[in-house]
Structures are given as C-alpha cells and as structure tokens.
Amino acid sequence: MTRTNPLLIITAILFVAGPVTAQEIDHAERYEDCMAEAKTAPHRAFEMALSWRGLGGGDAAEHCAGAALIGLKQFTKQPSGWKHWRKNPARTPR
C-alpha cells in the first residue's frame, strides 16, 4: 500500500472547493457612507477611511480622511497621500 502525501490531499481539496474570494467593495457606496460620517462623526469616518484605504479605496478614501480631519479641526495633519496629490494635481479629488 502506498502512502498519500498530505499536501497533495490539501491541494486537491482547495482546488475542488475553489478560491475563496473577498466580497467586492462598492467604492461609490463606501465613499458616500464615509463622507456622511465625516459630517456627523468625524473620528469614526477617519477610522473608516483608513481601513477602506487599506482595501483599495485610493483617492476617495484619502479624500474622506481629509474631510474627517477637517471635522476634527485637525488642520495641520494630512493623510499620507496628500503629498502625492500636490505633485499630481490631476489626481486631486474634486
């Protein structure tokens, strides 16, 4: 009797089960939610924007973070991407 490699079994199970995919993010909806939070609960919006940025929120997440900072009256702080926006004004959120 031959012994089956456990790695081969795990690979076969994963192949049959298919890839596990993350739920697709609706960035437009996330942006609207984040900007609404920036008006009423800027601290929560800032945390939301940072989390969303890590999930691919890009410029919209950075814009929401900036709006939240304004709501928090943190006028001297800037989200990290703002230096990039100054160098590339075409990518500045509108």
Foldseek 3Di string as FASTA:
>chain_A
DDDDDVVVVVVVVDVVVDDDDDDDDPLVVLLVVLQVCLQVPLVVSLVSLVVVVVVVSPQSSQVSNVSSCVSVVVVVDHPPCVVVCVVPVVSHDD
